[in-house]
Amino acid sequence: MFNIPCLFLVLVFWGPVQGGPMTNPHPNMTDQELFWGADQYDFSVVLPASGLECFWHFAHRGEKFYLNFMVQWVTGVGHDRHLSVSVNAPSSLVVGTVDDANGQINFEAEETGFYQMCFSNFHNHFGTMQVFLSFGVYYDSFQDPTKSKEEEKKKKEEVSKDLNNTLSIIEEASHKVENYVFHMFRYYSFGRMRKSADSYLLQSNSQYITWWSTALSLLIITSGYLQLLFLKRLFITKTCTEDEKPRC
């Protein structure tokens, strides 16, 4: 009889512990270690009339943060291609603002945390626009904080022994190559962004020219037909009898 209440308590408390959600998937890793590394994102987003969209990206203090954007197409009545862009630091300070159809925001992060990027379409009260975005961070001097102490010890040993460590040279060269490849993909995405914007512009101009050419052709044909009818009516003659006399 004494074992039955104990078994009941074990089942009651064991269920929530084992079946509950896992709030911290990496308990042994800090934010500095979890978000460390160079990364890049590029995609398109559609902003409705007077719409606002915000995105967040993590950056470390002292590293490079960049944002490129370009308006691809705008639809609506009285549309404006200008887009209002602002970047806020984790402490809610405004780091950079741009109000144009395309632009760049580059800066060195002075705080560690999530930076907020907001895109506002308040210029267009009746127009929708599609914007291409490319943003990310890159690290010129990559160094894992968990291995910084070990690397310092290794450097001291290397200086004292005055030996050429081939592995460190290979690692440094690989990081440089990785950084150059990252910048190459960054400029490639910006070129792809401009190419897509030009393609949308050509399509819109082609539709504009086609519709106006069709409308003007119909107008010319209709006006020519009406002029011909008017001229024919000027030469209409009526046969007159003896009682009827022609009038002016």
Protein backbone atom coordinates (compact mmCIF):
# COMPACT_ATOMS: atom_id res chain seq x y z
CA MET A 1 0.00 0.00 0.00
CA PHE A 2 2.89 2.35 0.66
CA ASN A 3 4.33 1.84 -2.86
CA ILE A 4 1.09 2.85 -4.64
CA PRO A 5 1.15 6.61 -3.62
CA CYS A 6 4.88 6.82 -4.43
CA LEU A 7 4.31 5.31 -7.89
CA PHE A 8 1.45 7.77 -8.49
CA LEU A 9 3.66 10.77 -7.58
CA VAL A 10 6.44 9.54 -9.86
CA LEU A 11 4.04 9.23 -12.82
CA VAL A 12 2.57 12.70 -12.17
CA PHE A 13 5.90 14.51 -12.02
CA TRP A 14 7.73 12.40 -14.61
CA GLY A 15 5.23 13.14 -17.40
CA PRO A 16 5.59 16.98 -17.52
CA VAL A 17 9.37 16.79 -17.18
CA GLN A 18 9.88 14.40 -20.08
CA GLY A 19 7.08 15.71 -22.32
CA GLY A 20 7.68 19.45 -21.91
CA PRO A 21 9.17 21.67 -24.67
CA MET A 22 12.93 22.11 -24.87
CA THR A 23 13.49 25.82 -24.29
CA ASN A 24 17.28 25.75 -24.69
CA PRO A 25 18.46 23.36 -27.44
CA HIS A 26 22.13 24.31 -26.87
CA PRO A 27 22.58 24.77 -23.11
CA ASN A 28 26.38 24.74 -23.33
CA MET A 29 26.62 27.44 -26.04
CA THR A 30 26.28 31.20 -25.60
CA ASP A 31 24.87 33.66 -28.15
CA GLN A 32 28.42 34.69 -29.06
CA GLU A 33 29.24 31.12 -30.10
CA LEU A 34 25.85 30.29 -31.62
CA PHE A 35 25.64 33.22 -34.07
CA TRP A 36 29.33 33.56 -34.92
CA GLY A 37 30.20 33.37 -38.61
CA ALA A 38 29.84 35.17 -41.93
CA ASP A 39 26.49 34.78 -43.64
CA GLN A 40 24.43 36.37 -46.40
CA TYR A 41 20.73 36.47 -47.28
CA ASP A 42 19.07 37.70 -50.46
CA PHE A 43 15.37 37.50 -51.32
CA SER A 44 12.45 39.61 -52.56
CA VAL A 45 9.59 40.99 -50.50
CA VAL A 46 6.33 42.64 -51.60
CA LEU A 47 5.30 45.75 -49.66
CA PRO A 48 1.62 46.76 -49.81
CA ALA A 49 0.44 50.36 -50.00
CA SER A 50 1.74 52.30 -46.95
CA GLY A 51 3.14 48.99 -45.67
CA LEU A 52 6.05 48.38 -43.30
CA GLU A 53 8.26 45.28 -43.04
CA CYS A 54 11.07 44.74 -40.52
CA PHE A 55 13.80 42.09 -40.34
CA TRP A 56 16.45 41.33 -37.71
CA HIS A 57 20.01 40.08 -38.15
CA PHE A 58 22.67 39.27 -35.56
CA ALA A 59 26.07 40.97 -35.64
CA HIS A 60 29.07 41.14 -33.31
CA ARG A 61 30.79 44.30 -32.16
CA GLY A 62 33.59 45.39 -34.48
CA GLU A 63 32.43 43.37 -37.49
CA LYS A 64 31.08 44.52 -40.85
CA PHE A 65 27.34 44.80 -41.53
CA TYR A 66 25.95 45.57 -44.99
CA LEU A 67 22.51 46.02 -46.57
CA ASN A 68 21.72 46.40 -50.29
CA PHE A 69 18.22 46.97 -51.65
CA MET A 70 16.56 47.82 -54.96
CA VAL A 71 12.94 48.42 -55.98
CA GLN A 72 12.10 45.97 -58.79
CA TRP A 73 8.59 47.06 -59.77
CA VAL A 74 5.77 49.31 -58.56
CA THR A 75 2.07 49.06 -59.39
CA GLY A 76 -0.83 51.35 -58.58
CA VAL A 77 -2.12 54.85 -59.21
CA GLY A 78 0.40 57.69 -58.85
CA HIS A 79 3.14 55.30 -57.73
CA ASP A 80 6.53 56.43 -56.46
CA ARG A 81 9.67 54.24 -56.63
CA HIS A 82 11.20 55.74 -53.49
CA LEU A 83 11.58 53.39 -50.51
CA SER A 84 12.34 54.49 -46.94
CA VAL A 85 14.91 52.21 -45.26
CA SER A 86 16.29 52.47 -41.73
CA VAL A 87 18.64 50.28 -39.68
CA ASN A 88 18.48 50.34 -35.88
CA ALA A 89 21.07 49.05 -33.43
CA PRO A 90 20.15 46.68 -30.57
CA SER A 91 19.91 49.75 -28.30
CA SER A 92 17.26 51.26 -30.69
CA LEU A 93 19.71 53.85 -32.05
CA VAL A 94 19.37 54.66 -35.76
CA VAL A 95 22.54 53.52 -37.55
CA GLY A 96 21.65 54.48 -41.12
CA THR A 97 18.73 55.68 -43.27
CA VAL A 98 18.15 55.79 -47.05
CA ASP A 99 15.17 57.14 -48.99
CA ASP A 100 15.63 56.11 -52.63
CA ALA A 101 14.77 53.44 -55.19
CA ASN A 102 18.06 51.64 -54.48
CA GLY A 103 20.87 52.08 -52.02
CA GLN A 104 23.41 50.59 -49.65
CA ILE A 105 24.00 50.82 -45.91
CA ASN A 106 27.41 49.67 -44.68
CA PHE A 107 28.80 50.17 -41.20
CA GLU A 108 30.92 48.60 -38.51
CA ALA A 109 28.84 47.14 -35.68
CA GLU A 110 29.50 48.90 -32.39
CA GLU A 111 27.14 46.66 -30.40
CA THR A 112 26.62 42.92 -30.23
CA GLY A 113 23.04 41.86 -30.81
CA PHE A 114 20.21 41.83 -33.32
CA TYR A 115 20.09 44.79 -35.74
CA GLN A 116 16.66 45.82 -37.04
CA MET A 117 16.08 46.66 -40.73
CA CYS A 118 12.76 48.36 -41.55
CA PHE A 119 11.39 49.01 -45.05
CA SER A 120 8.50 51.49 -45.36
CA ASN A 121 6.32 52.11 -48.42
CA PHE A 122 4.65 55.23 -47.03
CA HIS A 123 5.29 57.17 -50.27
CA ASN A 124 2.68 55.06 -52.08
CA HIS A 125 -0.80 55.24 -50.57
CA PHE A 126 -2.31 53.26 -53.48
CA GLY A 127 0.67 51.36 -54.90
CA THR A 128 2.38 48.03 -54.18
CA MET A 129 6.10 47.48 -54.73
CA GLN A 130 8.49 44.54 -54.81
CA VAL A 131 11.91 45.04 -53.23
CA PHE A 132 15.01 42.86 -53.60
CA LEU A 133 17.10 42.64 -50.41
CA SER A 134 20.64 41.48 -49.78
CA PHE A 135 22.12 41.77 -46.28
CA GLY A 136 24.54 40.01 -43.98
CA VAL A 137 27.74 40.26 -41.96
CA TYR A 138 31.31 39.30 -42.72
CA TYR A 139 34.40 38.96 -40.56
CA ASP A 140 37.79 40.08 -41.75
CA SER A 141 39.52 38.59 -38.72
CA PHE A 142 37.60 35.44 -37.83
CA GLN A 143 38.38 34.08 -34.38
CA ASP A 144 36.30 31.70 -32.30
CA PRO A 145 36.06 33.04 -28.72
CA THR A 146 36.22 29.52 -27.26
CA LYS A 147 39.58 28.94 -28.94
CA SER A 148 41.11 32.37 -28.40
CA LYS A 149 43.05 31.35 -25.26
CA GLU A 150 44.38 28.20 -26.87
CA GLU A 151 45.51 30.14 -29.92
CA GLU A 152 47.28 32.72 -27.75
CA LYS A 153 49.17 29.95 -25.99
CA LYS A 154 50.11 28.42 -29.33
CA LYS A 155 51.32 31.77 -30.64
CA LYS A 156 53.51 32.27 -27.58
CA GLU A 157 55.01 28.82 -28.02
CA GLU A 158 55.59 29.52 -31.70
CA VAL A 159 57.32 32.82 -30.94
CA SER A 160 59.51 31.23 -28.28
CA LYS A 161 60.47 28.31 -30.49
CA ASP A 162 60.69 30.49 -33.64
CA LEU A 163 59.10 27.80 -35.83
CA ASN A 164 57.06 28.16 -38.96
CA ASN A 165 53.65 26.62 -38.33
CA THR A 166 52.37 25.45 -41.69
CA LEU A 167 48.88 24.71 -40.37
CA SER A 168 48.36 28.28 -39.15
CA ILE A 169 49.47 29.65 -42.52
CA ILE A 170 47.05 27.32 -44.34
CA GLU A 171 44.24 28.26 -41.96
CA GLU A 172 44.87 31.99 -42.44
CA ALA A 173 44.99 31.59 -46.21
CA SER A 174 41.77 29.55 -46.20
CA HIS A 175 40.00 32.28 -44.19
CA LYS A 176 41.19 34.91 -46.68
CA VAL A 177 39.94 32.83 -49.61
CA GLU A 178 36.61 32.31 -47.82
CA ASN A 179 36.31 36.06 -47.26
CA TYR A 180 37.06 36.82 -50.93
CA VAL A 181 34.51 34.24 -52.09
CA PHE A 182 31.92 35.76 -49.74
CA HIS A 183 32.47 39.24 -51.21
CA MET A 184 32.28 37.78 -54.73
CA PHE A 185 28.86 36.28 -54.00
CA ARG A 186 27.82 39.56 -52.38
CA TYR A 187 28.59 41.59 -55.52
CA TYR A 188 27.06 38.85 -57.67
CA SER A 189 23.77 39.15 -55.75
CA PHE A 190 23.84 42.93 -56.23
CA GLY A 191 24.34 42.47 -59.98
CA ARG A 192 21.51 39.94 -60.08
CA MET A 193 19.37 42.46 -58.21
CA ARG A 194 20.04 45.15 -60.81
CA LYS A 195 19.45 42.71 -63.68
CA SER A 196 16.05 41.68 -62.32
CA ALA A 197 15.04 45.33 -61.83
CA ASP A 198 16.00 46.11 -65.44
CA SER A 199 14.01 43.09 -66.64
CA TYR A 200 10.87 44.26 -64.82
CA LEU A 201 11.38 47.76 -66.22
CA LEU A 202 11.66 46.44 -69.78
CA GLN A 203 8.50 44.38 -69.38
CA SER A 204 6.53 47.33 -68.03
CA ASN A 205 7.79 49.60 -70.83
CA SER A 206 6.91 46.97 -73.44
CA GLN A 207 3.34 46.70 -72.11
CA TYR A 208 3.07 50.50 -71.94
CA ILE A 209 4.21 50.92 -75.58
CA THR A 210 1.95 48.10 -76.80
CA TRP A 211 -1.19 49.51 -75.17
CA TRP A 212 -0.53 53.08 -76.29
CA SER A 213 0.29 51.98 -79.85
CA THR A 214 -2.96 50.02 -80.04
CA ALA A 215 -4.97 52.94 -78.62
CA LEU A 216 -3.39 55.48 -81.02
CA SER A 217 -3.93 53.16 -84.00
CA LEU A 218 -7.63 52.83 -83.15
CA LEU A 219 -7.87 56.59 -82.69
CA ILE A 220 -6.30 57.28 -86.11
CA ILE A 221 -8.56 54.77 -87.86
CA THR A 222 -11.68 56.14 -86.14
CA SER A 223 -10.81 59.78 -86.91
CA GLY A 224 -10.09 58.93 -90.57
CA TYR A 225 -13.41 57.13 -90.90
CA LEU A 226 -15.31 60.07 -89.34
CA GLN A 227 -13.55 62.55 -91.63
CA LEU A 228 -14.49 60.45 -94.66
CA LEU A 229 -18.15 60.40 -93.61
CA PHE A 230 -18.13 64.16 -93.09
CA LEU A 231 -16.65 64.78 -96.52
CA LYS A 232 -19.17 62.47 -98.20
CA ARG A 233 -22.05 64.34 -96.60
CA LEU A 234 -20.79 67.58 -98.18
CA PHE A 235 -21.30 66.12 -101.67
CA ILE A 236 -24.76 64.65 -101.17
CA THR A 237 -27.23 66.08 -103.81
CA LYS A 238 -31.02 65.79 -103.73
CA THR A 239 -33.17 65.58 -106.85
CA CYS A 240 -35.61 68.54 -106.99
CA THR A 241 -39.04 68.63 -108.63
CA GLU A 242 -40.74 71.60 -110.29
CA ASP A 243 -42.50 72.60 -107.06
CA GLU A 244 -39.38 72.32 -104.95
CA LYS A 245 -36.53 74.69 -105.40
CA PRO A 246 -32.99 74.12 -104.15
CA ARG A 247 -32.12 76.01 -101.05
CA CYS A 248 -28.78 77.21 -99.83
